[in-house]
PDB file of N, CA and C in Angstrom:
ATOM      1  N   MET A   1      11.729  20.960  -9.600  1.00  0.00           N
ATOM      2  CA  MET A   1      11.250  20.628 -10.924  1.00  0.00           C
ATOM      3  C   MET A   1      10.336  19.401 -10.850  1.00  0.00           C
ATOM      4  N   VAL A   2       9.229  19.454 -11.554  1.00  0.00           N
ATOM      5  CA  VAL A   2       8.275  18.354 -11.584  1.00  0.00           C
ATOM      6  C   VAL A   2       8.788  17.287 -12.537  1.00  0.00           C
ATOM      7  N   SER A   3       8.733  16.030 -12.108  1.00  0.00           N
ATOM      8  CA  SER A   3       9.174  14.932 -12.952  1.00  0.00           C
ATOM      9  C   SER A   3       8.098  13.842 -12.947  1.00  0.00           C
ATOM     10  N   ILE A   4       7.583  13.547 -14.134  1.00  0.00           N
ATOM     11  CA  ILE A   4       6.551  12.524 -14.264  1.00  0.00           C
ATOM     12  C   ILE A   4       7.051  11.491 -15.260  1.00  0.00           C
ATOM     13  N   ASP A   5       7.126  10.244 -14.827  1.00  0.00           N
ATOM     14  CA  ASP A   5       7.599   9.148 -15.661  1.00  0.00           C
ATOM     15  C   ASP A   5       6.410   8.598 -16.449  1.00  0.00           C
ATOM     16  N   ILE A   6       6.333   8.952 -17.728  1.00  0.00           N
ATOM     17  CA  ILE A   6       5.208   8.565 -18.567  1.00  0.00           C
ATOM     18  C   ILE A   6       5.159   7.051 -18.765  1.00  0.00           C
ATOM     19  N   GLY A   7       6.301   6.437 -18.947  1.00  0.00           N
ATOM     20  CA  GLY A   7       6.353   4.981 -19.106  1.00  0.00           C
ATOM     21  C   GLY A   7       5.775   4.268 -17.898  1.00  0.00           C
ATOM     22  N   GLU A   8       6.119   4.773 -16.730  1.00  0.00           N
ATOM     23  CA  GLU A   8       5.594   4.203 -15.489  1.00  0.00           C
ATOM     24  C   GLU A   8       4.074   4.389 -15.404  1.00  0.00           C
ATOM     25  N   LEU A   9       3.610   5.558 -15.817  1.00  0.00           N
ATOM     26  CA  LEU A   9       2.178   5.857 -15.844  1.00  0.00           C
ATOM     27  C   LEU A   9       1.447   4.870 -16.761  1.00  0.00           C
ATOM     28  N   LEU A  10       1.998   4.661 -17.973  1.00  0.00           N
ATOM     29  CA  LEU A  10       1.396   3.721 -18.920  1.00  0.00           C
ATOM     30  C   LEU A  10       1.435   2.292 -18.389  1.00  0.00           C
ATOM     31  N   SER A  11       2.586   1.885 -17.880  1.00  0.00           N
ATOM     32  CA  SER A  11       2.731   0.511 -17.369  1.00  0.00           C
ATOM     33  C   SER A  11       1.742   0.221 -16.259  1.00  0.00           C
ATOM     34  N   ALA A  12       1.589   1.162 -15.337  1.00  0.00           N
ATOM     35  CA  ALA A  12       0.655   0.967 -14.221  1.00  0.00           C
ATOM     36  C   ALA A  12      -0.775   0.828 -14.744  1.00  0.00           C
ATOM     37  N   TYR A  13      -1.132   1.649 -15.733  1.00  0.00           N
ATOM     38  CA  TYR A  13      -2.484   1.569 -16.302  1.00  0.00           C
ATOM     39  C   TYR A  13      -2.680   0.245 -17.034  1.00  0.00           C
ATOM     40  N   PHE A  14      -1.697  -0.147 -17.849  1.00  0.00           N
ATOM     41  CA  PHE A  14      -1.796  -1.398 -18.596  1.00  0.00           C
ATOM     42  C   PHE A  14      -1.980  -2.580 -17.651  1.00  0.00           C
ATOM     43  N   LYS A  15      -1.213  -2.577 -16.566  1.00  0.00           N
ATOM     44  CA  LYS A  15      -1.288  -3.676 -15.597  1.00  0.00           C
ATOM     45  C   LYS A  15      -2.635  -3.667 -14.876  1.00  0.00           C
ATOM     46  N   ARG A  16      -3.051  -2.489 -14.421  1.00  0.00           N
ATOM     47  CA  ARG A  16      -4.299  -2.361 -13.662  1.00  0.00           C
ATOM     48  C   ARG A  16      -5.509  -2.770 -14.507  1.00  0.00           C
ATOM     49  N   LYS A  17      -5.505  -2.399 -15.781  1.00  0.00           N
ATOM     50  CA  LYS A  17      -6.646  -2.676 -16.662  1.00  0.00           C
ATOM     51  C   LYS A  17      -6.445  -3.923 -17.528  1.00  0.00           C
ATOM     52  N   ARG A  18      -5.314  -4.607 -17.309  1.00  0.00           N
ATOM     53  CA  ARG A  18      -4.986  -5.816 -18.076  1.00  0.00           C
ATOM     54  C   ARG A  18      -5.069  -5.571 -19.582  1.00  0.00           C
ATOM     55  N   ILE A  19      -4.341  -4.576 -20.013  1.00  0.00           N
ATOM     56  CA  ILE A  19      -4.335  -4.186 -21.418  1.00  0.00           C
ATOM     57  C   ILE A  19      -3.364  -5.075 -22.194  1.00  0.00           C
ATOM     58  N   TYR A  20      -3.840  -5.663 -23.259  1.00  0.00           N
ATOM     59  CA  TYR A  20      -2.982  -6.438 -24.160  1.00  0.00           C
ATOM     60  C   TYR A  20      -2.330  -5.462 -25.131  1.00  0.00           C
ATOM     61  N   LYS A  21      -1.019  -5.431 -25.100  1.00  0.00           N
ATOM     62  CA  LYS A  21      -0.288  -4.496 -25.948  1.00  0.00           C
ATOM     63  C   LYS A  21      -0.485  -4.799 -27.433  1.00  0.00           C
ATOM     64  N   SER A  22      -0.681  -6.045 -27.768  1.00  0.00           N
ATOM     65  CA  SER A  22      -0.911  -6.408 -29.177  1.00  0.00           C
ATOM     66  C   SER A  22      -2.235  -5.820 -29.667  1.00  0.00           C
ATOM     67  N   VAL A  23      -3.257  -5.856 -28.842  1.00  0.00           N
ATOM     68  CA  VAL A  23      -4.555  -5.281 -29.200  1.00  0.00           C
ATOM     69  C   VAL A  23      -4.430  -3.765 -29.308  1.00  0.00           C
ATOM     70  N   LEU A  24      -3.724  -3.153 -28.356  1.00  0.00           N
ATOM     71  CA  LEU A  24      -3.514  -1.706 -28.385  1.00  0.00           C
ATOM     72  C   LEU A  24      -2.743  -1.296 -29.642  1.00  0.00           C
ATOM     73  N   ALA A  25      -1.745  -2.102 -30.021  1.00  0.00           N
ATOM     74  CA  ALA A  25      -0.956  -1.814 -31.217  1.00  0.00           C
ATOM     75  C   ALA A  25      -1.851  -1.807 -32.458  1.00  0.00           C
ATOM     76  N   ARG A  26      -2.717  -2.804 -32.582  1.00  0.00           N
ATOM     77  CA  ARG A  26      -3.627  -2.851 -33.739  1.00  0.00           C
ATOM     78  C   ARG A  26      -4.610  -1.690 -33.721  1.00  0.00           C
ATOM     79  N   LYS A  27      -5.109  -1.363 -32.539  1.00  0.00           N
ATOM     80  CA  LYS A  27      -6.123  -0.310 -32.408  1.00  0.00           C
ATOM     81  C   LYS A  27      -5.570   1.077 -32.705  1.00  0.00           C
ATOM     82  N   THR A  28      -4.312   1.319 -32.328  1.00  0.00           N
ATOM     83  CA  THR A  28      -3.721   2.656 -32.476  1.00  0.00           C
ATOM     84  C   THR A  28      -2.848   2.803 -33.716  1.00  0.00           C
ATOM     85  N   GLY A  29      -2.428   1.692 -34.290  1.00  0.00           N
ATOM     86  CA  GLY A  29      -1.505   1.760 -35.414  1.00  0.00           C
ATOM     87  C   GLY A  29      -0.064   1.962 -34.975  1.00  0.00           C
ATOM     88  N   ILE A  30       0.170   1.889 -33.679  1.00  0.00           N
ATOM     89  CA  ILE A  30       1.535   1.990 -33.130  1.00  0.00           C
ATOM     90  C   ILE A  30       2.075   0.560 -33.054  1.00  0.00           C
ATOM     91  N   GLY A  31       3.290   0.362 -33.513  1.00  0.00           N
ATOM     92  CA  GLY A  31       3.877  -0.974 -33.488  1.00  0.00           C
ATOM     93  C   GLY A  31       3.980  -1.549 -32.079  1.00  0.00           C
ATOM     94  N   TYR A  32       3.850  -2.875 -31.993  1.00  0.00           N
ATOM     95  CA  TYR A  32       3.927  -3.573 -30.702  1.00  0.00           C
ATOM     96  C   TYR A  32       5.233  -3.251 -29.981  1.00  0.00           C
ATOM     97  N   GLN A  33       6.355  -3.321 -30.709  1.00  0.00           N
ATOM     98  CA  GLN A  33       7.657  -3.041 -30.102  1.00  0.00           C
ATOM     99  C   GLN A  33       7.745  -1.588 -29.625  1.00  0.00           C
ATOM    100  N   SER A  34       7.100  -0.686 -30.360  1.00  0.00           N
ATOM    101  CA  SER A  34       7.098   0.727 -29.958  1.00  0.00           C
ATOM    102  C   SER A  34       6.324   0.906 -28.656  1.00  0.00           C
ATOM    103  N   ILE A  35       5.230   0.200 -28.519  1.00  0.00           N
ATOM    104  CA  ILE A  35       4.451   0.299 -27.270  1.00  0.00           C
ATOM    105  C   ILE A  35       5.287  -0.206 -26.100  1.00  0.00           C
ATOM    106  N   ILE A  36       6.005  -1.303 -26.308  1.00  0.00           N
ATOM    107  CA  ILE A  36       6.904  -1.825 -25.263  1.00  0.00           C
ATOM    108  C   ILE A  36       7.941  -0.754 -24.909  1.00  0.00           C
ATOM    109  N   LYS A  37       8.496  -0.107 -25.932  1.00  0.00           N
ATOM    110  CA  LYS A  37       9.514   0.934 -25.728  1.00  0.00           C
ATOM    111  C   LYS A  37       8.910   2.135 -24.972  1.00  0.00           C
ATOM    112  N   HIS A  38       7.685   2.520 -25.335  1.00  0.00           N
ATOM    113  CA  HIS A  38       7.031   3.656 -24.675  1.00  0.00           C
ATOM    114  C   HIS A  38       6.819   3.381 -23.187  1.00  0.00           C
ATOM    115  N   GLN A  39       6.555   2.127 -22.843  1.00  0.00           N
ATOM    116  CA  GLN A  39       6.366   1.762 -21.438  1.00  0.00           C
ATOM    117  C   GLN A  39       7.634   1.958 -20.619  1.00  0.00           C
ATOM    118  N   LYS A  40       8.764   1.878 -21.275  1.00  0.00           N
ATOM    119  CA  LYS A  40      10.045   1.984 -20.568  1.00  0.00           C
ATOM    120  C   LYS A  40      10.619   3.393 -20.605  1.00  0.00           C
ATOM    121  N   ALA A  41      10.032   4.259 -21.456  1.00  0.00           N
ATOM    122  CA  ALA A  41      10.551   5.617 -21.620  1.00  0.00           C
ATOM    123  C   ALA A  41      10.034   6.549 -20.531  1.00  0.00           C
ATOM    124  N   LYS A  42      10.865   7.457 -20.091  1.00  0.00           N
ATOM    125  CA  LYS A  42      10.439   8.452 -19.094  1.00  0.00           C
ATOM    126  C   LYS A  42       9.591   9.534 -19.742  1.00  0.00           C
ATOM    127  N   THR A  43       9.856   9.822 -21.022  1.00  0.00           N
ATOM    128  CA  THR A  43       9.118  10.861 -21.731  1.00  0.00           C
ATOM    129  C   THR A  43       8.456  10.254 -22.962  1.00  0.00           C
ATOM    130  N   LEU A  44       7.483  10.988 -23.484  1.00  0.00           N
ATOM    131  CA  LEU A  44       6.760  10.525 -24.656  1.00  0.00           C
ATOM    132  C   LEU A  44       6.203  11.729 -25.386  1.00  0.00           C
ATOM    133  N   ARG A  45       6.225  11.696 -26.690  1.00  0.00           N
ATOM    134  CA  ARG A  45       5.654  12.794 -27.473  1.00  0.00           C
ATOM    135  C   ARG A  45       4.151  12.872 -27.209  1.00  0.00           C
ATOM    136  N   VAL A  46       3.640  14.077 -27.183  1.00  0.00           N
ATOM    137  CA  VAL A  46       2.223  14.291 -26.885  1.00  0.00           C
ATOM    138  C   VAL A  46       1.331  13.617 -27.927  1.00  0.00           C
ATOM    139  N   ASP A  47       1.706  13.688 -29.211  1.00  0.00           N
ATOM    140  CA  ASP A  47       0.863  13.072 -30.234  1.00  0.00           C
ATOM    141  C   ASP A  47       0.766  11.559 -30.048  1.00  0.00           C
ATOM    142  N   THR A  48       1.834  10.929 -29.605  1.00  0.00           N
ATOM    143  CA  THR A  48       1.814   9.490 -29.334  1.00  0.00           C
ATOM    144  C   THR A  48       0.945   9.195 -28.115  1.00  0.00           C
ATOM    145  N   LEU A  49       1.084  10.013 -27.095  1.00  0.00           N
ATOM    146  CA  LEU A  49       0.261   9.836 -25.897  1.00  0.00           C
ATOM    147  C   LEU A  49      -1.221  10.025 -26.224  1.00  0.00           C
ATOM    148  N   LEU A  50      -1.515  10.955 -27.115  1.00  0.00           N
ATOM    149  CA  LEU A  50      -2.903  11.158 -27.549  1.00  0.00           C
ATOM    150  C   LEU A  50      -3.440   9.939 -28.294  1.00  0.00           C
ATOM    151  N   LYS A  51      -2.617   9.339 -29.149  1.00  0.00           N
ATOM    152  CA  LYS A  51      -3.032   8.121 -29.864  1.00  0.00           C
ATOM    153  C   LYS A  51      -3.370   7.005 -28.875  1.00  0.00           C
ATOM    154  N   ILE A  52      -2.509   6.840 -27.882  1.00  0.00           N
ATOM    155  CA  ILE A  52      -2.729   5.804 -26.875  1.00  0.00           C
ATOM    156  C   ILE A  52      -3.989   6.134 -26.072  1.00  0.00           C
ATOM    157  N   SER A  53      -4.161   7.405 -25.722  1.00  0.00           N
ATOM    158  CA  SER A  53      -5.360   7.832 -24.982  1.00  0.00           C
ATOM    159  C   SER A  53      -6.624   7.522 -25.782  1.00  0.00           C
ATOM    160  N   GLU A  54      -6.591   7.832 -27.086  1.00  0.00           N
ATOM    161  CA  GLU A  54      -7.748   7.558 -27.942  1.00  0.00           C
ATOM    162  C   GLU A  54      -8.001   6.062 -28.061  1.00  0.00           C
ATOM    163  N   GLY A  55      -6.938   5.295 -28.220  1.00  0.00           N
ATOM    164  CA  GLY A  55      -7.079   3.846 -28.354  1.00  0.00           C
ATOM    165  C   GLY A  55      -7.673   3.195 -27.119  1.00  0.00           C
ATOM    166  N   LEU A  56      -7.337   3.728 -25.956  1.00  0.00           N
ATOM    167  CA  LEU A  56      -7.822   3.155 -24.693  1.00  0.00           C
ATOM    168  C   LEU A  56      -9.020   3.916 -24.126  1.00  0.00           C
ATOM    169  N   GLU A  57      -9.344   5.041 -24.757  1.00  0.00           N
ATOM    170  CA  GLU A  57     -10.396   5.926 -24.253  1.00  0.00           C
ATOM    171  C   GLU A  57     -10.128   6.289 -22.792  1.00  0.00           C
ATOM    172  N   HIS A  58      -8.876   6.685 -22.542  1.00  0.00           N
ATOM    173  CA  HIS A  58      -8.443   7.094 -21.211  1.00  0.00           C
ATOM    174  C   HIS A  58      -7.628   8.379 -21.345  1.00  0.00           C
ATOM    175  N   ASN A  59      -7.872   9.341 -20.482  1.00  0.00           N
ATOM    176  CA  ASN A  59      -7.217  10.646 -20.558  1.00  0.00           C
ATOM    177  C   ASN A  59      -5.911  10.661 -19.748  1.00  0.00           C
ATOM    178  N   PHE A  60      -4.834  10.231 -20.402  1.00  0.00           N
ATOM    179  CA  PHE A  60      -3.534  10.244 -19.732  1.00  0.00           C
ATOM    180  C   PHE A  60      -3.046  11.667 -19.476  1.00  0.00           C
ATOM    181  N   LEU A  61      -3.464  12.605 -20.307  1.00  0.00           N
ATOM    182  CA  LEU A  61      -3.066  13.995 -20.089  1.00  0.00           C
ATOM    183  C   LEU A  61      -3.645  14.522 -18.770  1.00  0.00           C
ATOM    184  N   MET A  62      -4.862  14.112 -18.444  1.00  0.00           N
ATOM    185  CA  MET A  62      -5.458  14.517 -17.165  1.00  0.00           C
ATOM    186  C   MET A  62      -4.718  13.844 -16.005  1.00  0.00           C
ATOM    187  N   ASP A  63      -4.320  12.587 -16.204  1.00  0.00           N
ATOM    188  CA  ASP A  63      -3.532  11.897 -15.173  1.00  0.00           C
ATOM    189  C   ASP A  63      -2.253  12.662 -14.878  1.00  0.00           C
ATOM    190  N   ILE A  64      -1.659  13.212 -15.925  1.00  0.00           N
ATOM    191  CA  ILE A  64      -0.440  14.017 -15.755  1.00  0.00           C
ATOM    192  C   ILE A  64      -0.785  15.351 -15.094  1.00  0.00           C
ATOM    193  N   ALA A  65      -1.859  15.978 -15.558  1.00  0.00           N
ATOM    194  CA  ALA A  65      -2.247  17.296 -15.045  1.00  0.00           C
ATOM    195  C   ALA A  65      -2.493  17.281 -13.541  1.00  0.00           C
ATOM    196  N   VAL A  66      -3.113  16.232 -13.031  1.00  0.00           N
ATOM    197  CA  VAL A  66      -3.411  16.206 -11.590  1.00  0.00           C
ATOM    198  C   VAL A  66      -2.154  16.018 -10.749  1.00  0.00           C
ATOM    199  N   GLN A  67      -1.054  15.641 -11.379  1.00  0.00           N
ATOM    200  CA  GLN A  67       0.205  15.510 -10.647  1.00  0.00           C
ATOM    201  C   GLN A  67       0.977  16.823 -10.564  1.00  0.00           C
ATOM    202  N   LEU A  68       0.547  17.812 -11.337  1.00  0.00           N
ATOM    203  CA  LEU A  68       1.206  19.119 -11.293  1.00  0.00           C
ATOM    204  C   LEU A  68       0.732  19.897 -10.060  1.00  0.00           C
ATOM    205  N   PRO A  69       1.546  20.813  -9.567  1.00  0.00           N
ATOM    206  CA  PRO A  69       1.138  21.606  -8.399  1.00  0.00           C
ATOM    207  C   PRO A  69      -0.153  22.389  -8.654  1.00  0.00           C
ATOM    208  N   LYS A  70      -0.989  22.486  -7.650  1.00  0.00           N
ATOM    209  CA  LYS A  70      -2.272  23.194  -7.762  1.00  0.00           C
ATOM    210  C   LYS A  70      -2.075  24.678  -8.058  1.00  0.00           C
ATOM    211  N   THR A  71      -0.885  25.194  -7.779  1.00  0.00           N
ATOM    212  CA  THR A  71      -0.616  26.616  -7.990  1.00  0.00           C
ATOM    213  C   THR A  71      -0.396  26.956  -9.466  1.00  0.00           C
ATOM    214  N   TYR A  72      -0.201  25.940 -10.310  1.00  0.00           N
ATOM    215  CA  TYR A  72      -0.007  26.191 -11.742  1.00  0.00           C
ATOM    216  C   TYR A  72      -1.323  26.688 -12.342  1.00  0.00           C
ATOM    217  N   THR A  73      -1.207  27.619 -13.263  1.00  0.00           N
ATOM    218  CA  THR A  73      -2.402  28.157 -13.914  1.00  0.00           C
ATOM    219  C   THR A  73      -2.787  27.301 -15.116  1.00  0.00           C
ATOM    220  N   THR A  74      -4.005  27.513 -15.597  1.00  0.00           N
ATOM    221  CA  THR A  74      -4.489  26.815 -16.781  1.00  0.00           C
ATOM    222  C   THR A  74      -5.477  27.702 -17.528  1.00  0.00           C
ATOM    223  N   ASP A  75      -5.599  27.477 -18.815  1.00  0.00           N
ATOM    224  CA  ASP A  75      -6.596  28.175 -19.611  1.00  0.00           C
ATOM    225  C   ASP A  75      -7.809  27.285 -19.864  1.00  0.00           C
ATOM    226  N   ALA A  76      -7.828  26.109 -19.254  1.00  0.00           N
ATOM    227  CA  ALA A  76      -8.953  25.184 -19.433  1.00  0.00           C
ATOM    228  C   ALA A  76     -10.211  25.785 -18.812  1.00  0.00           C
ATOM    229  N   PRO A  77     -11.343  25.635 -19.496  1.00  0.00           N
ATOM    230  CA  PRO A  77     -12.592  26.166 -18.936  1.00  0.00           C
ATOM    231  C   PRO A  77     -12.967  25.406 -17.668  1.00  0.00           C
ATOM    232  N   VAL A  78     -13.508  26.126 -16.702  1.00  0.00           N
ATOM    233  CA  VAL A  78     -13.903  25.535 -15.440  1.00  0.00           C
ATOM    234  C   VAL A  78     -15.329  25.001 -15.578  1.00  0.00           C
ATOM    235  N   ASP A  79     -15.525  23.749 -15.175  1.00  0.00           N
ATOM    236  CA  ASP A  79     -16.854  23.141 -15.233  1.00  0.00           C
ATOM    237  C   ASP A  79     -17.626  23.534 -13.979  1.00  0.00           C
ATOM    238  N   THR A  80     -18.637  24.374 -14.150  1.00  0.00           N
ATOM    239  CA  THR A  80     -19.429  24.848 -13.015  1.00  0.00           C
ATOM    240  C   THR A  80     -20.784  24.148 -12.926  1.00  0.00           C
ATOM    241  N   THR A  81     -20.973  23.105 -13.695  1.00  0.00           N
ATOM    242  CA  THR A  81     -22.248  22.394 -13.718  1.00  0.00           C
ATOM    243  C   THR A  81     -22.648  21.919 -12.330  1.00  0.00           C
ATOM    244  N   THR A  82     -21.739  21.274 -11.635  1.00  0.00           N
ATOM    245  CA  THR A  82     -22.039  20.739 -10.307  1.00  0.00           C
ATOM    246  C   THR A  82     -22.355  21.856  -9.323  1.00  0.00           C
ATOM    247  N   ALA A  83     -21.562  22.910  -9.334  1.00  0.00           N
ATOM    248  CA  ALA A  83     -21.792  24.036  -8.423  1.00  0.00           C
ATOM    249  C   ALA A  83     -23.146  24.682  -8.698  1.00  0.00           C
ATOM    250  N   ASN A  84     -23.496  24.830  -9.978  1.00  0.00           N
ATOM    251  CA  ASN A  84     -24.795  25.413 -10.329  1.00  0.00           C
ATOM    252  C   ASN A  84     -25.937  24.516  -9.878  1.00  0.00           C
ATOM    253  N   GLU A  85     -25.763  23.219 -10.037  1.00  0.00           N
ATOM    254  CA  GLU A  85     -26.801  22.272  -9.625  1.00  0.00           C
ATOM    255  C   GLU A  85     -26.993  22.299  -8.108  1.00  0.00           C
ATOM    256  N   ILE A  86     -25.902  22.379  -7.364  1.00  0.00           N
ATOM    257  CA  ILE A  86     -25.977  22.451  -5.899  1.00  0.00           C
ATOM    258  C   ILE A  86     -26.712  23.717  -5.479  1.00  0.00           C
ATOM    259  N   GLU A  87     -26.383  24.833  -6.109  1.00  0.00           N
ATOM    260  CA  GLU A  87     -27.042  26.104  -5.784  1.00  0.00           C
ATOM    261  C   GLU A  87     -28.542  26.034  -6.070  1.00  0.00           C
ATOM    262  N   ALA A  88     -28.914  25.435  -7.195  1.00  0.00           N
ATOM    263  CA  ALA A  88     -30.336  25.291  -7.543  1.00  0.00           C
ATOM    264  C   ALA A  88     -31.047  24.409  -6.521  1.00  0.00           C
ATOM    265  N   LEU A  89     -30.388  23.343  -6.087  1.00  0.00           N
ATOM    266  CA  LEU A  89     -30.990  22.453  -5.091  1.00  0.00           C
ATOM    267  C   LEU A  89     -31.142  23.145  -3.735  1.00  0.00           C
ATOM    268  N   LYS A  90     -30.191  23.976  -3.362  1.00  0.00           N
ATOM    269  CA  LYS A  90     -30.301  24.736  -2.113  1.00  0.00           C
ATOM    270  C   LYS A  90     -31.502  25.671  -2.162  1.00  0.00           C
ATOM    271  N   GLU A  91     -31.686  26.329  -3.305  1.00  0.00           N
ATOM    272  CA  GLU A  91     -32.844  27.219  -3.467  1.00  0.00           C
ATOM    273  C   GLU A  91     -34.140  26.425  -3.389  1.00  0.00           C
ATOM    274  N   ARG A  92     -34.148  25.251  -3.997  1.00  0.00           N
ATOM    275  CA  ARG A  92     -35.337  24.392  -3.972  1.00  0.00           C
ATOM    276  C   ARG A  92     -35.655  23.967  -2.534  1.00  0.00           C
ATOM    277  N   ILE A  93     -34.633  23.655  -1.758  1.00  0.00           N
ATOM    278  CA  ILE A  93     -34.832  23.274  -0.351  1.00  0.00           C
ATOM    279  C   ILE A  93     -35.454  24.422   0.427  1.00  0.00           C
ATOM    280  N   LYS A  94     -34.944  25.641   0.215  1.00  0.00           N
ATOM    281  CA  LYS A  94     -35.511  26.813   0.899  1.00  0.00           C
ATOM    282  C   LYS A  94     -36.986  26.963   0.574  1.00  0.00           C
ATOM    283  N   LEU A  95     -37.325  26.821  -0.699  1.00  0.00           N
ATOM    284  CA  LEU A  95     -38.713  26.944  -1.138  1.00  0.00           C
ATOM    285  C   LEU A  95     -39.586  25.855  -0.506  1.00  0.00           C
ATOM    286  N   LEU A  96     -39.090  24.638  -0.501  1.00  0.00           N
ATOM    287  CA  LEU A  96     -39.849  23.541   0.085  1.00  0.00           C
ATOM    288  C   LEU A  96     -40.031  23.708   1.595  1.00  0.00           C
ATOM    289  N   GLU A  97     -38.999  24.209   2.280  1.00  0.00           N
ATOM    290  CA  GLU A  97     -39.110  24.461   3.726  1.00  0.00           C
ATOM    291  C   GLU A  97     -40.181  25.521   3.989  1.00  0.00           C
ATOM    292  N   ALA A  98     -40.203  26.573   3.171  1.00  0.00           N
ATOM    293  CA  ALA A  98     -41.214  27.620   3.336  1.00  0.00           C
ATOM    294  C   ALA A  98     -42.607  27.062   3.077  1.00  0.00           C
ATOM    295  N   GLU A  99     -42.762  26.259   2.042  1.00  0.00           N
ATOM    296  CA  GLU A  99     -44.060  25.649   1.749  1.00  0.00           C
ATOM    297  C   GLU A  99     -44.504  24.728   2.883  1.00  0.00           C
ATOM    298  N   LYS A 100     -43.558  24.001   3.452  1.00  0.00           N
ATOM    299  CA  LYS A 100     -43.868  23.095   4.566  1.00  0.00           C
ATOM    300  C   LYS A 100     -44.394  23.887   5.756  1.00  0.00           C
ATOM    301  N   GLN A 101     -43.728  25.009   6.065  1.00  0.00           N
ATOM    302  CA  GLN A 101     -44.170  25.836   7.195  1.00  0.00           C
ATOM    303  C   GLN A 101     -45.579  26.372   6.968  1.00  0.00           C
ATOM    304  N   ILE A 102     -45.873  26.806   5.737  1.00  0.00           N
ATOM    305  CA  ILE A 102     -47.207  27.307   5.415  1.00  0.00           C
ATOM    306  C   ILE A 102     -48.242  26.197   5.567  1.00  0.00           C
ATOM    307  N   LEU A 103     -47.933  24.998   5.079  1.00  0.00           N
ATOM    308  CA  LEU A 103     -48.870  23.867   5.202  1.00  0.00           C
ATOM    309  C   LEU A 103     -49.099  23.507   6.674  1.00  0.00           C
ATOM    310  N   LEU A 104     -48.032  23.519   7.458  1.00  0.00           N
ATOM    311  CA  LEU A 104     -48.186  23.205   8.873  1.00  0.00           C
ATOM    312  C   LEU A 104     -49.060  24.248   9.577  1.00  0.00           C
ATOM    313  N   GLN A 105     -48.918  25.524   9.210  1.00  0.00           N
ATOM    314  CA  GLN A 105     -49.758  26.581   9.782  1.00  0.00           C
ATOM    315  C   GLN A 105     -51.212  26.401   9.369  1.00  0.00           C
ATOM    316  N   VAL A 106     -51.430  26.037   8.109  1.00  0.00           N
ATOM    317  CA  VAL A 106     -52.798  25.870   7.609  1.00  0.00           C
ATOM    318  C   VAL A 106     -53.513  24.734   8.330  1.00  0.00           C
ATOM    319  N   ILE A 107     -52.808  23.636   8.587  1.00  0.00           N
ATOM    320  CA  ILE A 107     -53.476  22.516   9.258  1.00  0.00           C
ATOM    321  C   ILE A 107     -53.419  22.634  10.788  1.00  0.00           C
ATOM    322  N   GLY A 108     -52.790  23.666  11.276  1.00  0.00           N
ATOM    323  CA  GLY A 108     -52.801  23.954  12.704  1.00  0.00           C
ATOM    324  C   GLY A 108     -51.740  23.250  13.520  1.00  0.00           C
ATOM    325  N   VAL A 109     -50.711  22.753  12.892  1.00  0.00           N
ATOM    326  CA  VAL A 109     -49.618  22.103  13.609  1.00  0.00           C
ATOM    327  C   VAL A 109     -48.534  23.113  13.884  1.00  0.00           C
ATOM    328  N   LYS A 110     -48.037  23.144  15.134  1.00  0.00           N
ATOM    329  CA  LYS A 110     -46.929  24.045  15.475  1.00  0.00           C
ATOM    330  C   LYS A 110     -45.621  23.472  14.967  1.00  0.00           C
ATOM    331  N   GLY A 111     -44.830  24.295  14.255  1.00  0.00           N
ATOM    332  CA  GLY A 111     -43.593  23.807  13.667  1.00  0.00           C
ATOM    333  C   GLY A 111     -42.425  24.217  14.350  1.00  0.00           C
TER     334      GLY A 111
END
């Protein structure tokens, strides 16, 4: 069974980014004492985690998702932007290599 300690996840982020809990409390509308309590809790309601994520502009849900086994399925859309860009660049390289060979032939240089 997968076990992720949300309080530990929050505490590590707060410490790493030097987050003031009082500022976070004002920004999210979550009480200061509640934020302290959330840091110590192993579990947290998703709506509360979303509020904290919005307040800090940090995706804690993704932090949790990457800790799940890679074999788990998802309905999230796959971002193929990078793969498409790489493929386009490979095609561009082929075209440029062909143009280079033609230019070298025209000027009489052996390639």
